[in-house]
PDB file of N, CA and C in Angstrom:
ATOM      1  N   MET A   1      -3.313  26.325  13.533  1.00  0.00           N
ATOM      2  CA  MET A   1      -4.225  25.209  13.717  1.00  0.00           C
ATOM      3  C   MET A   1      -4.186  24.335  12.464  1.00  0.00           C
ATOM      4  N   THR A   2      -4.162  23.051  12.655  1.00  0.00           N
ATOM      5  CA  THR A   2      -4.138  22.133  11.523  1.00  0.00           C
ATOM      6  C   THR A   2      -5.536  21.985  10.947  1.00  0.00           C
ATOM      7  N   PRO A   3      -5.632  21.700   9.631  1.00  0.00           N
ATOM      8  CA  PRO A   3      -6.950  21.582   9.019  1.00  0.00           C
ATOM      9  C   PRO A   3      -7.745  20.384   9.524  1.00  0.00           C
ATOM     10  N   CYS A   4      -7.080  19.395  10.044  1.00  0.00           N
ATOM     11  CA  CYS A   4      -7.766  18.201  10.555  1.00  0.00           C
ATOM     12  C   CYS A   4      -7.519  18.075  12.045  1.00  0.00           C
ATOM     13  N   ARG A   5      -8.514  17.603  12.749  1.00  0.00           N
ATOM     14  CA  ARG A   5      -8.320  17.337  14.174  1.00  0.00           C
ATOM     15  C   ARG A   5      -7.555  16.040  14.323  1.00  0.00           C
ATOM     16  N   GLU A   6      -6.723  15.992  15.325  1.00  0.00           N
ATOM     17  CA  GLU A   6      -5.953  14.779  15.562  1.00  0.00           C
ATOM     18  C   GLU A   6      -6.751  13.805  16.410  1.00  0.00           C
ATOM     19  N   VAL A   7      -6.679  12.564  16.046  1.00  0.00           N
ATOM     20  CA  VAL A   7      -7.281  11.497  16.825  1.00  0.00           C
ATOM     21  C   VAL A   7      -6.118  10.734  17.439  1.00  0.00           C
ATOM     22  N   PRO A   8      -6.018  10.689  18.769  1.00  0.00           N
ATOM     23  CA  PRO A   8      -4.875  10.027  19.391  1.00  0.00           C
ATOM     24  C   PRO A   8      -4.718   8.589  18.913  1.00  0.00           C
ATOM     25  N   GLY A   9      -3.544   8.299  18.393  1.00  0.00           N
ATOM     26  CA  GLY A   9      -3.239   6.948  17.955  1.00  0.00           C
ATOM     27  C   GLY A   9      -3.789   6.578  16.589  1.00  0.00           C
ATOM     28  N   ALA A  10      -4.515   7.480  15.937  1.00  0.00           N
ATOM     29  CA  ALA A  10      -5.119   7.140  14.650  1.00  0.00           C
ATOM     30  C   ALA A  10      -4.054   6.893  13.594  1.00  0.00           C
ATOM     31  N   TYR A  11      -3.045   7.743  13.549  1.00  0.00           N
ATOM     32  CA  TYR A  11      -1.989   7.572  12.551  1.00  0.00           C
ATOM     33  C   TYR A  11      -1.260   6.257  12.770  1.00  0.00           C
ATOM     34  N   GLU A  12      -0.906   5.992  14.024  1.00  0.00           N
ATOM     35  CA  GLU A  12      -0.160   4.776  14.330  1.00  0.00           C
ATOM     36  C   GLU A  12      -0.969   3.529  13.989  1.00  0.00           C
ATOM     37  N   SER A  13      -2.253   3.547  14.327  1.00  0.00           N
ATOM     38  CA  SER A  13      -3.057   2.353  14.059  1.00  0.00           C
ATOM     39  C   SER A  13      -3.302   2.171  12.565  1.00  0.00           C
ATOM     40  N   ALA A  14      -3.360   3.259  11.818  1.00  0.00           N
ATOM     41  CA  ALA A  14      -3.612   3.149  10.384  1.00  0.00           C
ATOM     42  C   ALA A  14      -2.350   2.854   9.593  1.00  0.00           C
ATOM     43  N   PHE A  15      -1.212   3.379  10.033  1.00  0.00           N
ATOM     44  CA  PHE A  15      -0.011   3.299   9.216  1.00  0.00           C
ATOM     45  C   PHE A  15       1.149   2.562   9.856  1.00  0.00           C
ATOM     46  N   ASN A  16       0.924   1.851  10.933  1.00  0.00           N
ATOM     47  CA  ASN A  16       1.991   1.080  11.562  1.00  0.00           C
ATOM     48  C   ASN A  16       2.087  -0.269  10.859  1.00  0.00           C
ATOM     49  N   LEU A  17       2.577  -0.240   9.626  1.00  0.00           N
ATOM     50  CA  LEU A  17       2.570  -1.421   8.785  1.00  0.00           C
ATOM     51  C   LEU A  17       3.617  -2.444   9.183  1.00  0.00           C
ATOM     52  N   LEU A  18       4.729  -2.005   9.752  1.00  0.00           N
ATOM     53  CA  LEU A  18       5.776  -2.958  10.103  1.00  0.00           C
ATOM     54  C   LEU A  18       5.288  -3.966  11.132  1.00  0.00           C
ATOM     55  N   ASP A  19       4.576  -3.496  12.167  1.00  0.00           N
ATOM     56  CA  ASP A  19       4.047  -4.423  13.163  1.00  0.00           C
ATOM     57  C   ASP A  19       3.036  -5.378  12.537  1.00  0.00           C
ATOM     58  N   GLN A  20       2.174  -4.845  11.667  1.00  0.00           N
ATOM     59  CA  GLN A  20       1.185  -5.695  11.011  1.00  0.00           C
ATOM     60  C   GLN A  20       1.861  -6.727  10.123  1.00  0.00           C
ATOM     61  N   MET A  21       2.911  -6.308   9.403  1.00  0.00           N
ATOM     62  CA  MET A  21       3.612  -7.242   8.535  1.00  0.00           C
ATOM     63  C   MET A  21       4.301  -8.324   9.345  1.00  0.00           C
ATOM     64  N   GLN A  22       4.864  -7.948  10.497  1.00  0.00           N
ATOM     65  CA  GLN A  22       5.536  -8.940  11.324  1.00  0.00           C
ATOM     66  C   GLN A  22       4.533  -9.925  11.909  1.00  0.00           C
ATOM     67  N   GLU A  23       3.360  -9.435  12.314  1.00  0.00           N
ATOM     68  CA  GLU A  23       2.324 -10.332  12.827  1.00  0.00           C
ATOM     69  C   GLU A  23       1.860 -11.295  11.743  1.00  0.00           C
ATOM     70  N   ASP A  24       1.664 -10.776  10.526  1.00  0.00           N
ATOM     71  CA  ASP A  24       1.250 -11.636   9.419  1.00  0.00           C
ATOM     72  C   ASP A  24       2.321 -12.667   9.101  1.00  0.00           C
ATOM     73  N   ALA A  25       3.578 -12.247   9.177  1.00  0.00           N
ATOM     74  CA  ALA A  25       4.673 -13.159   8.870  1.00  0.00           C
ATOM     75  C   ALA A  25       4.745 -14.285   9.887  1.00  0.00           C
ATOM     76  N   GLU A  26       4.334 -13.997  11.110  1.00  0.00           N
ATOM     77  CA  GLU A  26       4.396 -15.007  12.156  1.00  0.00           C
ATOM     78  C   GLU A  26       3.252 -16.011  12.062  1.00  0.00           C
ATOM     79  N   SER A  27       2.152 -15.629  11.433  1.00  0.00           N
ATOM     80  CA  SER A  27       1.015 -16.547  11.327  1.00  0.00           C
ATOM     81  C   SER A  27       1.140 -17.335  10.032  1.00  0.00           C
ATOM     82  N   ASP A  28       1.625 -18.526  10.142  1.00  0.00           N
ATOM     83  CA  ASP A  28       1.817 -19.387   8.981  1.00  0.00           C
ATOM     84  C   ASP A  28       0.812 -20.527   8.988  1.00  0.00           C
ATOM     85  N   ALA A  29      -0.444 -20.199   9.173  1.00  0.00           N
ATOM     86  CA  ALA A  29      -1.486 -21.227   9.174  1.00  0.00           C
ATOM     87  C   ALA A  29      -1.579 -21.830   7.780  1.00  0.00           C
ATOM     88  N   LYS A  30      -1.661 -23.131   7.720  1.00  0.00           N
ATOM     89  CA  LYS A  30      -1.739 -23.815   6.431  1.00  0.00           C
ATOM     90  C   LYS A  30      -3.166 -24.290   6.213  1.00  0.00           C
ATOM     91  N   ASP A  31      -3.702 -23.928   5.078  1.00  0.00           N
ATOM     92  CA  ASP A  31      -5.045 -24.349   4.713  1.00  0.00           C
ATOM     93  C   ASP A  31      -4.947 -25.565   3.800  1.00  0.00           C
ATOM     94  N   ASN A  32      -6.020 -26.314   3.736  1.00  0.00           N
ATOM     95  CA  ASN A  32      -6.068 -27.427   2.794  1.00  0.00           C
ATOM     96  C   ASN A  32      -6.183 -26.860   1.394  1.00  0.00           C
ATOM     97  N   LEU A  33      -5.372 -27.382   0.488  1.00  0.00           N
ATOM     98  CA  LEU A  33      -5.370 -26.899  -0.883  1.00  0.00           C
ATOM     99  C   LEU A  33      -6.286 -27.749  -1.746  1.00  0.00           C
ATOM    100  N   CYS A  34      -6.913 -27.092  -2.690  1.00  0.00           N
ATOM    101  CA  CYS A  34      -7.709 -27.813  -3.668  1.00  0.00           C
ATOM    102  C   CYS A  34      -6.762 -28.460  -4.672  1.00  0.00           C
ATOM    103  N   GLU A  35      -7.222 -29.505  -5.291  1.00  0.00           N
ATOM    104  CA  GLU A  35      -6.405 -30.192  -6.283  1.00  0.00           C
ATOM    105  C   GLU A  35      -6.053 -29.237  -7.418  1.00  0.00           C
ATOM    106  N   GLY A  36      -4.816 -29.270  -7.845  1.00  0.00           N
ATOM    107  CA  GLY A  36      -4.360 -28.411  -8.933  1.00  0.00           C
ATOM    108  C   GLY A  36      -3.732 -27.111  -8.472  1.00  0.00           C
ATOM    109  N   PHE A  37      -3.747 -26.834  -7.176  1.00  0.00           N
ATOM    110  CA  PHE A  37      -3.136 -25.627  -6.643  1.00  0.00           C
ATOM    111  C   PHE A  37      -1.786 -25.968  -6.031  1.00  0.00           C
ATOM    112  N   ALA A  38      -0.879 -25.020  -6.069  1.00  0.00           N
ATOM    113  CA  ALA A  38       0.453 -25.218  -5.494  1.00  0.00           C
ATOM    114  C   ALA A  38       0.597 -24.359  -4.246  1.00  0.00           C
ATOM    115  N   LEU A  39       1.405 -24.820  -3.324  1.00  0.00           N
ATOM    116  CA  LEU A  39       1.685 -24.080  -2.098  1.00  0.00           C
ATOM    117  C   LEU A  39       3.113 -23.563  -2.162  1.00  0.00           C
ATOM    118  N   VAL A  40       3.276 -22.269  -1.973  1.00  0.00           N
ATOM    119  CA  VAL A  40       4.600 -21.661  -1.941  1.00  0.00           C
ATOM    120  C   VAL A  40       4.849 -21.214  -0.513  1.00  0.00           C
ATOM    121  N   SER A  41       5.821 -21.823   0.133  1.00  0.00           N
ATOM    122  CA  SER A  41       6.146 -21.478   1.521  1.00  0.00           C
ATOM    123  C   SER A  41       7.255 -20.442   1.540  1.00  0.00           C
ATOM    124  N   LEU A  42       7.047 -19.395   2.311  1.00  0.00           N
ATOM    125  CA  LEU A  42       8.050 -18.342   2.460  1.00  0.00           C
ATOM    126  C   LEU A  42       8.408 -18.217   3.927  1.00  0.00           C
ATOM    127  N   SER A  43       9.665 -17.924   4.184  1.00  0.00           N
ATOM    128  CA  SER A  43      10.094 -17.708   5.565  1.00  0.00           C
ATOM    129  C   SER A  43       9.549 -16.371   6.052  1.00  0.00           C
ATOM    130  N   LYS A  44       9.549 -16.170   7.354  1.00  0.00           N
ATOM    131  CA  LYS A  44       9.100 -14.899   7.934  1.00  0.00           C
ATOM    132  C   LYS A  44       9.920 -13.748   7.382  1.00  0.00           C
ATOM    133  N   GLU A  45      11.230 -13.956   7.277  1.00  0.00           N
ATOM    134  CA  GLU A  45      12.119 -12.903   6.784  1.00  0.00           C
ATOM    135  C   GLU A  45      11.802 -12.559   5.333  1.00  0.00           C
ATOM    136  N   GLU A  46      11.510 -13.587   4.527  1.00  0.00           N
ATOM    137  CA  GLU A  46      11.192 -13.362   3.121  1.00  0.00           C
ATOM    138  C   GLU A  46       9.884 -12.583   2.978  1.00  0.00           C
ATOM    139  N   LYS A  47       8.880 -12.913   3.789  1.00  0.00           N
ATOM    140  CA  LYS A  47       7.613 -12.181   3.754  1.00  0.00           C
ATOM    141  C   LYS A  47       7.822 -10.719   4.116  1.00  0.00           C
ATOM    142  N   VAL A  48       8.595 -10.464   5.159  1.00  0.00           N
ATOM    143  CA  VAL A  48       8.858  -9.087   5.581  1.00  0.00           C
ATOM    144  C   VAL A  48       9.604  -8.342   4.482  1.00  0.00           C
ATOM    145  N   ARG A  49      10.593  -8.995   3.863  1.00  0.00           N
ATOM    146  CA  ARG A  49      11.378  -8.360   2.798  1.00  0.00           C
ATOM    147  C   ARG A  49      10.492  -7.998   1.606  1.00  0.00           C
ATOM    148  N   ILE A  50       9.612  -8.904   1.211  1.00  0.00           N
ATOM    149  CA  ILE A  50       8.732  -8.653   0.069  1.00  0.00           C
ATOM    150  C   ILE A  50       7.743  -7.541   0.380  1.00  0.00           C
ATOM    151  N   ARG A  51       7.158  -7.561   1.569  1.00  0.00           N
ATOM    152  CA  ARG A  51       6.148  -6.561   1.936  1.00  0.00           C
ATOM    153  C   ARG A  51       6.749  -5.191   2.195  1.00  0.00           C
ATOM    154  N   LEU A  52       7.987  -5.156   2.646  1.00  0.00           N
ATOM    155  CA  LEU A  52       8.615  -3.885   2.997  1.00  0.00           C
ATOM    156  C   LEU A  52       8.717  -2.950   1.801  1.00  0.00           C
ATOM    157  N   GLN A  53       8.955  -3.508   0.618  1.00  0.00           N
ATOM    158  CA  GLN A  53       9.080  -2.656  -0.564  1.00  0.00           C
ATOM    159  C   GLN A  53       7.763  -1.962  -0.931  1.00  0.00           C
ATOM    160  N   TRP A  54       6.651  -2.435  -0.392  1.00  0.00           N
ATOM    161  CA  TRP A  54       5.353  -1.824  -0.662  1.00  0.00           C
ATOM    162  C   TRP A  54       4.856  -0.981   0.505  1.00  0.00           C
ATOM    163  N   SER A  55       5.698  -0.738   1.498  1.00  0.00           N
ATOM    164  CA  SER A  55       5.257   0.014   2.673  1.00  0.00           C
ATOM    165  C   SER A  55       5.007   1.489   2.366  1.00  0.00           C
ATOM    166  N   HIS A  56       5.504   1.985   1.235  1.00  0.00           N
ATOM    167  CA  HIS A  56       5.272   3.378   0.851  1.00  0.00           C
ATOM    168  C   HIS A  56       4.347   3.467  -0.364  1.00  0.00           C
ATOM    169  N   ALA A  57       3.480   2.473  -0.521  1.00  0.00           N
ATOM    170  CA  ALA A  57       2.544   2.448  -1.641  1.00  0.00           C
ATOM    171  C   ALA A  57       1.121   2.584  -1.116  1.00  0.00           C
ATOM    172  N   LEU A  58       0.255   3.118  -1.951  1.00  0.00           N
ATOM    173  CA  LEU A  58      -1.151   3.206  -1.585  1.00  0.00           C
ATOM    174  C   LEU A  58      -1.996   3.132  -2.835  1.00  0.00           C
ATOM    175  N   ILE A  59      -3.239   2.749  -2.658  1.00  0.00           N
ATOM    176  CA  ILE A  59      -4.178   2.707  -3.773  1.00  0.00           C
ATOM    177  C   ILE A  59      -5.069   3.929  -3.668  1.00  0.00           C
ATOM    178  N   ILE A  60      -5.150   4.666  -4.761  1.00  0.00           N
ATOM    179  CA  ILE A  60      -5.948   5.890  -4.807  1.00  0.00           C
ATOM    180  C   ILE A  60      -7.266   5.565  -5.493  1.00  0.00           C
ATOM    181  N   LYS A  61      -8.359   5.775  -4.786  1.00  0.00           N
ATOM    182  CA  LYS A  61      -9.694   5.587  -5.349  1.00  0.00           C
ATOM    183  C   LYS A  61     -10.279   6.968  -5.639  1.00  0.00           C
ATOM    184  N   THR A  62     -10.838   7.113  -6.805  1.00  0.00           N
ATOM    185  CA  THR A  62     -11.484   8.372  -7.163  1.00  0.00           C
ATOM    186  C   THR A  62     -12.989   8.118  -7.204  1.00  0.00           C
ATOM    187  N   PHE A  63     -13.690   8.679  -6.251  1.00  0.00           N
ATOM    188  CA  PHE A  63     -15.123   8.448  -6.122  1.00  0.00           C
ATOM    189  C   PHE A  63     -15.909   9.497  -6.894  1.00  0.00           C
ATOM    190  N   GLY A  64     -16.905   9.031  -7.619  1.00  0.00           N
ATOM    191  CA  GLY A  64     -17.841   9.941  -8.251  1.00  0.00           C
ATOM    192  C   GLY A  64     -17.434  10.484  -9.602  1.00  0.00           C
ATOM    193  N   ARG A  65     -16.210  10.208 -10.046  1.00  0.00           N
ATOM    194  CA  ARG A  65     -15.818  10.698 -11.362  1.00  0.00           C
ATOM    195  C   ARG A  65     -14.665   9.882 -11.911  1.00  0.00           C
ATOM    196  N   THR A  66     -14.535   9.909 -13.213  1.00  0.00           N
ATOM    197  CA  THR A  66     -13.429   9.238 -13.872  1.00  0.00           C
ATOM    198  C   THR A  66     -12.276  10.228 -13.975  1.00  0.00           C
ATOM    199  N   VAL A  67     -11.102   9.778 -13.616  1.00  0.00           N
ATOM    200  CA  VAL A  67      -9.928  10.643 -13.632  1.00  0.00           C
ATOM    201  C   VAL A  67      -8.876  10.003 -14.520  1.00  0.00           C
ATOM    202  N   GLY A  68      -8.312  10.790 -15.418  1.00  0.00           N
ATOM    203  CA  GLY A  68      -7.278  10.293 -16.310  1.00  0.00           C
ATOM    204  C   GLY A  68      -5.921  10.205 -15.627  1.00  0.00           C
ATOM    205  N   TYR A  69      -5.046   9.393 -16.210  1.00  0.00           N
ATOM    206  CA  TYR A  69      -3.713   9.159 -15.657  1.00  0.00           C
ATOM    207  C   TYR A  69      -2.916  10.460 -15.535  1.00  0.00           C
ATOM    208  N   GLN A  70      -2.851  11.236 -16.612  1.00  0.00           N
ATOM    209  CA  GLN A  70      -2.055  12.472 -16.607  1.00  0.00           C
ATOM    210  C   GLN A  70      -2.567  13.465 -15.573  1.00  0.00           C
ATOM    211  N   PHE A  71      -3.885  13.615 -15.502  1.00  0.00           N
ATOM    212  CA  PHE A  71      -4.470  14.540 -14.534  1.00  0.00           C
ATOM    213  C   PHE A  71      -4.116  14.125 -13.114  1.00  0.00           C
ATOM    214  N   LEU A  72      -4.307  12.839 -12.794  1.00  0.00           N
ATOM    215  CA  LEU A  72      -4.033  12.367 -11.440  1.00  0.00           C
ATOM    216  C   LEU A  72      -2.552  12.483 -11.106  1.00  0.00           C
ATOM    217  N   SER A  73      -1.695  12.136 -12.050  1.00  0.00           N
ATOM    218  CA  SER A  73      -0.253  12.232 -11.820  1.00  0.00           C
ATOM    219  C   SER A  73       0.147  13.669 -11.491  1.00  0.00           C
ATOM    220  N   GLN A  74      -0.341  14.613 -12.280  1.00  0.00           N
ATOM    221  CA  GLN A  74      -0.034  16.027 -12.046  1.00  0.00           C
ATOM    222  C   GLN A  74      -0.607  16.497 -10.708  1.00  0.00           C
ATOM    223  N   ARG A  75      -1.824  16.088 -10.415  1.00  0.00           N
ATOM    224  CA  ARG A  75      -2.496  16.519  -9.178  1.00  0.00           C
ATOM    225  C   ARG A  75      -1.788  15.974  -7.932  1.00  0.00           C
ATOM    226  N   VAL A  76      -1.393  14.705  -7.970  1.00  0.00           N
ATOM    227  CA  VAL A  76      -0.680  14.108  -6.839  1.00  0.00           C
ATOM    228  C   VAL A  76       0.642  14.834  -6.612  1.00  0.00           C
ATOM    229  N   ARG A  77       1.345  15.144  -7.696  1.00  0.00           N
ATOM    230  CA  ARG A  77       2.625  15.863  -7.562  1.00  0.00           C
ATOM    231  C   ARG A  77       2.417  17.263  -6.974  1.00  0.00           C
ATOM    232  N   GLU A  78       1.339  17.930  -7.366  1.00  0.00           N
ATOM    233  CA  GLU A  78       1.049  19.262  -6.824  1.00  0.00           C
ATOM    234  C   GLU A  78       0.689  19.195  -5.341  1.00  0.00           C
ATOM    235  N   LEU A  79      -0.159  18.244  -4.971  1.00  0.00           N
ATOM    236  CA  LEU A  79      -0.650  18.166  -3.597  1.00  0.00           C
ATOM    237  C   LEU A  79       0.375  17.604  -2.620  1.00  0.00           C
ATOM    238  N   TRP A  80       1.085  16.551  -3.023  1.00  0.00           N
ATOM    239  CA  TRP A  80       1.977  15.868  -2.090  1.00  0.00           C
ATOM    240  C   TRP A  80       3.435  16.252  -2.266  1.00  0.00           C
ATOM    241  N   ALA A  81       3.792  16.810  -3.403  1.00  0.00           N
ATOM    242  CA  ALA A  81       5.172  17.206  -3.701  1.00  0.00           C
ATOM    243  C   ALA A  81       6.176  16.135  -3.279  1.00  0.00           C
ATOM    244  N   PRO A  82       6.082  14.928  -3.867  1.00  0.00           N
ATOM    245  CA  PRO A  82       7.018  13.872  -3.475  1.00  0.00           C
ATOM    246  C   PRO A  82       8.450  14.264  -3.804  1.00  0.00           C
ATOM    247  N   SER A  83       9.362  13.966  -2.892  1.00  0.00           N
ATOM    248  CA  SER A  83      10.761  14.339  -3.089  1.00  0.00           C
ATOM    249  C   SER A  83      11.482  13.358  -4.000  1.00  0.00           C
ATOM    250  N   GLY A  84      10.947  12.154  -4.149  1.00  0.00           N
ATOM    251  CA  GLY A  84      11.573  11.144  -5.000  1.00  0.00           C
ATOM    252  C   GLY A  84      10.669  10.785  -6.159  1.00  0.00           C
ATOM    253  N   ASN A  85      10.846   9.579  -6.646  1.00  0.00           N
ATOM    254  CA  ASN A  85      10.037   9.085  -7.759  1.00  0.00           C
ATOM    255  C   ASN A  85       8.588   8.885  -7.340  1.00  0.00           C
ATOM    256  N   LEU A  86       7.707   9.015  -8.300  1.00  0.00           N
ATOM    257  CA  LEU A  86       6.299   8.693  -8.101  1.00  0.00           C
ATOM    258  C   LEU A  86       5.901   7.754  -9.223  1.00  0.00           C
ATOM    259  N   ASP A  87       5.660   6.505  -8.893  1.00  0.00           N
ATOM    260  CA  ASP A  87       5.180   5.531  -9.868  1.00  0.00           C
ATOM    261  C   ASP A  87       3.677   5.427  -9.702  1.00  0.00           C
ATOM    262  N   LEU A  88       2.957   5.640 -10.785  1.00  0.00           N
ATOM    263  CA  LEU A  88       1.503   5.599 -10.761  1.00  0.00           C
ATOM    264  C   LEU A  88       1.053   4.549 -11.767  1.00  0.00           C
ATOM    265  N   VAL A  89       0.320   3.548 -11.304  1.00  0.00           N
ATOM    266  CA  VAL A  89      -0.113   2.442 -12.153  1.00  0.00           C
ATOM    267  C   VAL A  89      -1.636   2.451 -12.231  1.00  0.00           C
ATOM    268  N   ASP A  90      -2.165   2.461 -13.457  1.00  0.00           N
ATOM    269  CA  ASP A  90      -3.610   2.427 -13.674  1.00  0.00           C
ATOM    270  C   ASP A  90      -4.109   1.011 -13.425  1.00  0.00           C
ATOM    271  N   LEU A  91      -5.013   0.854 -12.455  1.00  0.00           N
ATOM    272  CA  LEU A  91      -5.567  -0.458 -12.111  1.00  0.00           C
ATOM    273  C   LEU A  91      -6.985  -0.636 -12.644  1.00  0.00           C
ATOM    274  N   GLY A  92      -7.374   0.158 -13.602  1.00  0.00           N
ATOM    275  CA  GLY A  92      -8.745   0.083 -14.108  1.00  0.00           C
ATOM    276  C   GLY A  92      -9.565   1.216 -13.545  1.00  0.00           C
ATOM    277  N   HIS A  93     -10.181   1.004 -12.384  1.00  0.00           N
ATOM    278  CA  HIS A  93     -10.971   2.053 -11.739  1.00  0.00           C
ATOM    279  C   HIS A  93     -10.218   2.710 -10.594  1.00  0.00           C
ATOM    280  N   ASP A  94      -9.039   2.220 -10.273  1.00  0.00           N
ATOM    281  CA  ASP A  94      -8.216   2.753  -9.190  1.00  0.00           C
ATOM    282  C   ASP A  94      -6.805   2.962  -9.727  1.00  0.00           C
ATOM    283  N   TYR A  95      -5.969   3.555  -8.905  1.00  0.00           N
ATOM    284  CA  TYR A  95      -4.565   3.735  -9.251  1.00  0.00           C
ATOM    285  C   TYR A  95      -3.707   3.283  -8.080  1.00  0.00           C
ATOM    286  N   LEU A  96      -2.571   2.687  -8.389  1.00  0.00           N
ATOM    287  CA  LEU A  96      -1.589   2.323  -7.381  1.00  0.00           C
ATOM    288  C   LEU A  96      -0.496   3.371  -7.442  1.00  0.00           C
ATOM    289  N   ALA A  97      -0.242   4.031  -6.320  1.00  0.00           N
ATOM    290  CA  ALA A  97       0.810   5.047  -6.252  1.00  0.00           C
ATOM    291  C   ALA A  97       1.917   4.527  -5.355  1.00  0.00           C
ATOM    292  N   LYS A  98       3.148   4.560  -5.857  1.00  0.00           N
ATOM    293  CA  LYS A  98       4.302   4.136  -5.070  1.00  0.00           C
ATOM    294  C   LYS A  98       5.328   5.249  -5.139  1.00  0.00           C
ATOM    295  N   MET A  99       5.689   5.748  -3.969  1.00  0.00           N
ATOM    296  CA  MET A  99       6.667   6.826  -3.890  1.00  0.00           C
ATOM    297  C   MET A  99       7.985   6.263  -3.399  1.00  0.00           C
ATOM    298  N   GLY A 100       9.054   6.724  -3.991  1.00  0.00           N
ATOM    299  CA  GLY A 100      10.374   6.220  -3.614  1.00  0.00           C
ATOM    300  C   GLY A 100      11.433   7.280  -3.777  1.00  0.00           C
ATOM    301  N   ASN A 101      12.677   6.846  -3.619  1.00  0.00           N
ATOM    302  CA  ASN A 101      13.817   7.779  -3.709  1.00  0.00           C
ATOM    303  C   ASN A 101      14.165   8.056  -5.135  1.00  0.00           C
TER     304      ASN A 101
END
């Protein structure tokens, strides 16, 4: 028996990032810009390419206590045993974790 009960479709709805990225890439609504701001237009393909590199990244929030970089890095490696690189970036009160080959 698994420690968590499965919710049908929960994984797909939470982690189906490719469909979400493609939908976002297709919506190119243009807003009025305030004076002094620049608009950078990207093609749908460029948006997908840029977002794809972050599809294996997540932000780790530690609730209720302060956690140091070394402790969290060691703990993530113990719990998840990533097969490739683990890049961990301190964001102040959160951490950005990116796993790769």
